[in-house]
């Protein structure tokens, strides 16, 4: 199903196999003057066809759909709809899927339990060029990161390329919800030094650039 949108509005295509959920999103986004839903798809292939035909600004894409799922069509979307920004939707976002989605070109990941206000905010931020994910989604990624670090128990002679004691210490504070500024105060170093250590951590653990941006966002916040 597709519609037309006035010039100047953010055009949104929704791809999800739950009809009631889609209808709810359409009604919610209809309340936003600067947005218009231009189409709805119930599976991955239909989403790909509509996205190619409509070239929407934003595609809200469910990970799990009948037949071809959201993650599977991301590489093709990147080729056929280079200007369309994809936000992944999931009822149960998992860190490995977030990582894969971002590596395949998605601009962010959203839980289906997010509020109307957060959805609109995410769409606008993504349209303006930001990479987006909710705090609770990122918390799962950080927990996965903590588990990876917990497994780094190699002898000192084999630790080349893994995390230093200072890096592990900083990640411990990040997982506990501390900001760069708070960590810097705790360790007696600058916030910029904390950010440098975190970048080294993310690179050593082979975390993608997009996911790095998301992780930096929650530890560099001022709220």
Protein backbone atom coordinates (compact mmCIF):
# COMPACT_ATOMS: atom_id res chain seq x y z
CA UNK A 1 0.00 0.00 0.00
CA UNK A 2 1.38 3.45 -0.88
CA UNK A 3 0.36 7.11 -0.57
CA UNK A 4 1.58 10.49 -1.73
CA UNK A 5 3.24 13.06 0.52
CA UNK A 6 3.42 16.85 0.18
CA UNK A 7 6.82 18.32 -0.66
CA UNK A 8 8.86 19.13 2.44
CA UNK A 9 7.57 16.35 4.66
CA UNK A 10 9.72 13.44 5.84
CA UNK A 11 8.43 10.44 3.92
CA UNK A 12 8.24 7.19 5.87
CA UNK A 13 7.78 3.61 4.67
CA UNK A 14 6.78 1.03 7.31
CA UNK A 15 7.73 -2.63 6.88
CA UNK A 16 6.22 -4.93 9.51
CA UNK A 17 4.04 -8.03 9.24
CA UNK A 18 1.83 -7.10 12.23
CA UNK A 19 -1.12 -5.22 10.73
CA UNK A 20 -2.32 -3.70 13.99
CA UNK A 21 1.17 -2.42 14.80
CA UNK A 22 1.48 -0.85 11.34
CA UNK A 23 -1.90 0.82 11.64
CA UNK A 24 -0.88 2.21 15.00
CA UNK A 25 2.32 3.68 13.56
CA UNK A 26 0.41 5.27 10.68
CA UNK A 27 -2.01 6.94 13.11
CA UNK A 28 0.80 8.14 15.38
CA UNK A 29 2.90 9.59 12.57
CA UNK A 30 -0.18 11.27 11.10
CA UNK A 31 -0.07 13.55 14.15
CA UNK A 32 3.34 14.88 13.08
CA UNK A 33 3.01 17.78 10.62
CA UNK A 34 6.44 17.21 9.14
CA UNK A 35 5.98 13.47 8.47
CA UNK A 36 3.88 11.34 6.15
CA UNK A 37 3.68 7.57 5.83
CA UNK A 38 3.88 6.81 2.11
CA UNK A 39 3.61 3.03 2.22
CA UNK A 40 3.26 -0.18 4.21
CA UNK A 41 4.88 -3.56 3.56
CA UNK A 42 4.24 -6.92 5.22
CA UNK A 43 7.43 -8.75 4.21
CA UNK A 44 10.99 -8.08 3.16
CA UNK A 45 10.54 -8.41 -0.60
CA UNK A 46 7.49 -6.13 -0.60
CA UNK A 47 9.47 -3.63 1.48
CA UNK A 48 12.30 -3.74 -1.06
CA UNK A 49 9.92 -3.21 -4.00
CA UNK A 50 8.10 -0.31 -2.33
CA UNK A 51 11.31 1.30 -1.16
CA UNK A 52 12.71 1.17 -4.70
CA UNK A 53 9.50 2.62 -6.15
CA UNK A 54 8.87 5.30 -3.51
CA UNK A 55 12.43 6.17 -2.43
CA UNK A 56 11.26 7.23 1.06
CA UNK A 57 13.40 9.34 3.36
CA UNK A 58 13.00 6.83 6.21
CA UNK A 59 12.28 3.09 6.24
CA UNK A 60 11.06 1.62 9.54
CA UNK A 61 12.10 -1.99 9.01
CA UNK A 62 11.19 -4.98 11.18
CA UNK A 63 13.96 -7.55 11.65
CA UNK A 64 11.64 -10.57 11.68
CA UNK A 65 9.12 -10.90 8.82
CA UNK A 66 7.75 -13.84 6.78
CA UNK A 67 10.04 -15.05 4.03
CA UNK A 68 12.86 -12.54 3.66
CA UNK A 69 13.57 -10.59 6.85
CA UNK A 70 14.76 -7.05 7.40
CA UNK A 71 18.43 -7.84 7.86
CA UNK A 72 18.53 -9.83 4.63
CA UNK A 73 17.37 -6.96 2.43
CA UNK A 74 19.65 -4.29 3.91
CA UNK A 75 22.48 -4.83 1.39
CA UNK A 76 20.02 -4.52 -1.51
CA UNK A 77 18.38 -1.46 0.01
CA UNK A 78 21.78 0.20 0.21
CA UNK A 79 22.18 -0.24 -3.56
CA UNK A 80 18.63 0.42 -4.76
CA UNK A 81 17.72 3.20 -2.29
CA UNK A 82 20.97 4.95 -1.36
CA UNK A 83 19.20 8.02 0.05
CA UNK A 84 16.75 6.07 2.22
CA UNK A 85 17.77 5.92 5.87
CA UNK A 86 16.82 2.65 7.59
CA UNK A 87 15.73 2.41 11.22
CA UNK A 88 15.47 -1.18 12.43
CA UNK A 89 12.41 -2.08 14.52
CA UNK A 90 12.45 -5.02 16.89
CA UNK A 91 10.36 -6.29 19.76
CA UNK A 92 13.44 -7.96 21.27
CA UNK A 93 16.55 -6.13 20.04
CA UNK A 94 19.71 -8.20 20.56
CA UNK A 95 23.22 -6.84 20.47
CA UNK A 96 24.41 -9.11 17.64
CA UNK A 97 21.50 -8.04 15.43
CA UNK A 98 22.14 -4.38 16.20
CA UNK A 99 25.79 -4.79 15.25
CA UNK A 100 24.95 -6.60 12.00
CA UNK A 101 22.22 -4.11 11.05
CA UNK A 102 24.57 -1.15 11.51
CA UNK A 103 27.32 -2.88 9.55
CA UNK A 104 24.84 -3.46 6.70
CA UNK A 105 23.90 0.22 6.54
CA UNK A 106 21.06 0.78 9.02
CA UNK A 107 21.16 4.18 10.71
CA UNK A 108 19.76 3.00 14.02
CA UNK A 109 17.74 0.47 16.00
CA UNK A 110 14.48 1.00 17.87
CA UNK A 111 12.50 -1.14 20.29
CA UNK A 112 8.82 -1.54 19.47
CA UNK A 113 8.03 -0.48 23.01
CA UNK A 114 9.30 3.07 22.48
CA UNK A 115 6.96 6.03 22.94
CA UNK A 116 5.38 8.12 20.20
CA UNK A 117 7.56 11.07 21.21
CA UNK A 118 10.75 9.00 21.00
CA UNK A 119 9.76 7.57 17.61
CA UNK A 120 9.22 11.03 16.13
CA UNK A 121 12.46 12.24 17.67
CA UNK A 122 14.36 9.26 16.25
CA UNK A 123 12.96 9.83 12.75
CA UNK A 124 13.89 13.52 12.77
CA UNK A 125 17.36 12.83 14.15
CA UNK A 126 18.01 10.11 11.57
CA UNK A 127 16.76 12.31 8.76
CA UNK A 128 19.21 15.01 9.87
CA UNK A 129 22.10 12.55 9.62
CA UNK A 130 22.45 11.14 13.15
CA UNK A 131 22.87 7.49 14.04
CA UNK A 132 20.17 6.54 16.56
CA UNK A 133 19.37 3.96 19.23
CA UNK A 134 17.43 4.04 22.47
CA UNK A 135 19.25 3.97 25.78
CA UNK A 136 17.85 0.55 26.72
CA UNK A 137 18.97 -0.91 23.38
CA UNK A 138 22.46 0.44 23.95
CA UNK A 139 22.43 -0.95 27.48
CA UNK A 140 22.15 -4.43 25.97
CA UNK A 141 25.14 -3.70 23.75
CA UNK A 142 27.14 -2.48 26.73
CA UNK A 143 26.25 -5.62 28.67
CA UNK A 144 27.47 -7.70 25.74
CA UNK A 145 30.64 -5.61 25.77
CA UNK A 146 31.06 -6.27 29.50
CA UNK A 147 30.76 -10.02 28.89
CA UNK A 148 33.41 -9.85 26.17
CA UNK A 149 35.75 -8.06 28.53
CA UNK A 150 35.05 -10.57 31.31
CA UNK A 151 36.34 -13.25 28.95
CA UNK A 152 39.69 -11.54 28.44
CA UNK A 153 41.65 -13.71 30.87
CA UNK A 154 44.64 -14.57 28.72
CA UNK A 155 48.10 -14.59 30.36
CA UNK A 156 50.04 -11.33 30.10
CA UNK A 157 52.26 -12.78 27.33
CA UNK A 158 49.17 -13.30 25.17
CA UNK A 159 47.33 -10.06 25.82
CA UNK A 160 48.70 -8.11 22.88
CA UNK A 161 45.74 -6.53 21.06
CA UNK A 162 43.37 -6.97 24.02
CA UNK A 163 42.47 -4.39 26.64
CA UNK A 164 44.85 -2.71 29.04
CA UNK A 165 44.03 -2.52 32.74
CA UNK A 166 43.04 1.15 32.37
CA UNK A 167 40.77 0.35 29.41
CA UNK A 168 39.06 -2.42 31.33
CA UNK A 169 38.64 -0.08 34.29
CA UNK A 170 36.99 2.56 32.10
CA UNK A 171 34.61 0.05 30.53
CA UNK A 172 33.62 -1.11 34.03
CA UNK A 173 32.52 2.45 34.83
CA UNK A 174 30.72 2.81 31.48
CA UNK A 175 28.69 -0.35 32.11
CA UNK A 176 27.71 1.11 35.48
CA UNK A 177 26.22 4.11 33.69
CA UNK A 178 28.96 6.69 34.31
CA UNK A 179 29.53 9.50 31.80
CA UNK A 180 32.92 10.46 30.36
CA UNK A 181 33.09 13.41 32.76
CA UNK A 182 32.24 11.27 35.79
CA UNK A 183 34.81 8.63 34.82
CA UNK A 184 37.44 11.31 34.27
CA UNK A 185 36.80 12.71 37.76
CA UNK A 186 36.93 9.25 39.29
CA UNK A 187 40.26 8.40 37.63
CA UNK A 188 41.87 11.84 37.76
CA UNK A 189 42.21 12.17 33.99
CA UNK A 190 40.56 14.35 31.33
CA UNK A 191 37.26 13.51 29.64
CA UNK A 192 39.10 13.61 26.31
CA UNK A 193 41.49 10.92 27.56
CA UNK A 194 38.51 8.79 28.59
CA UNK A 195 37.06 9.15 25.09
CA UNK A 196 40.40 8.13 23.55
CA UNK A 197 40.54 5.02 25.74
CA UNK A 198 36.98 4.11 24.73
CA UNK A 199 37.80 4.49 21.05
CA UNK A 200 40.72 2.11 21.56
CA UNK A 201 38.42 -0.36 23.33
CA UNK A 202 35.85 -0.30 20.54
CA UNK A 203 38.52 -0.75 17.89
CA UNK A 204 40.18 -3.66 19.71
CA UNK A 205 36.83 -5.42 20.10
CA UNK A 206 36.12 -4.82 16.38
CA UNK A 207 32.97 -2.81 17.03
CA UNK A 208 31.70 -1.09 13.87
CA UNK A 209 32.06 2.66 13.41
CA UNK A 210 28.30 3.25 13.52
CA UNK A 211 27.96 1.33 16.76
CA UNK A 212 30.93 3.24 18.15
CA UNK A 213 29.08 6.50 17.50
CA UNK A 214 26.05 5.20 19.40
CA UNK A 215 28.12 4.02 22.35
CA UNK A 216 30.01 7.31 22.51
CA UNK A 217 26.69 9.15 22.56
CA UNK A 218 25.51 7.62 25.81
CA UNK A 219 28.80 8.04 27.69
CA UNK A 220 29.48 11.56 26.39
CA UNK A 221 26.05 12.88 27.41
CA UNK A 222 25.60 15.89 29.70
CA UNK A 223 22.17 15.01 31.12
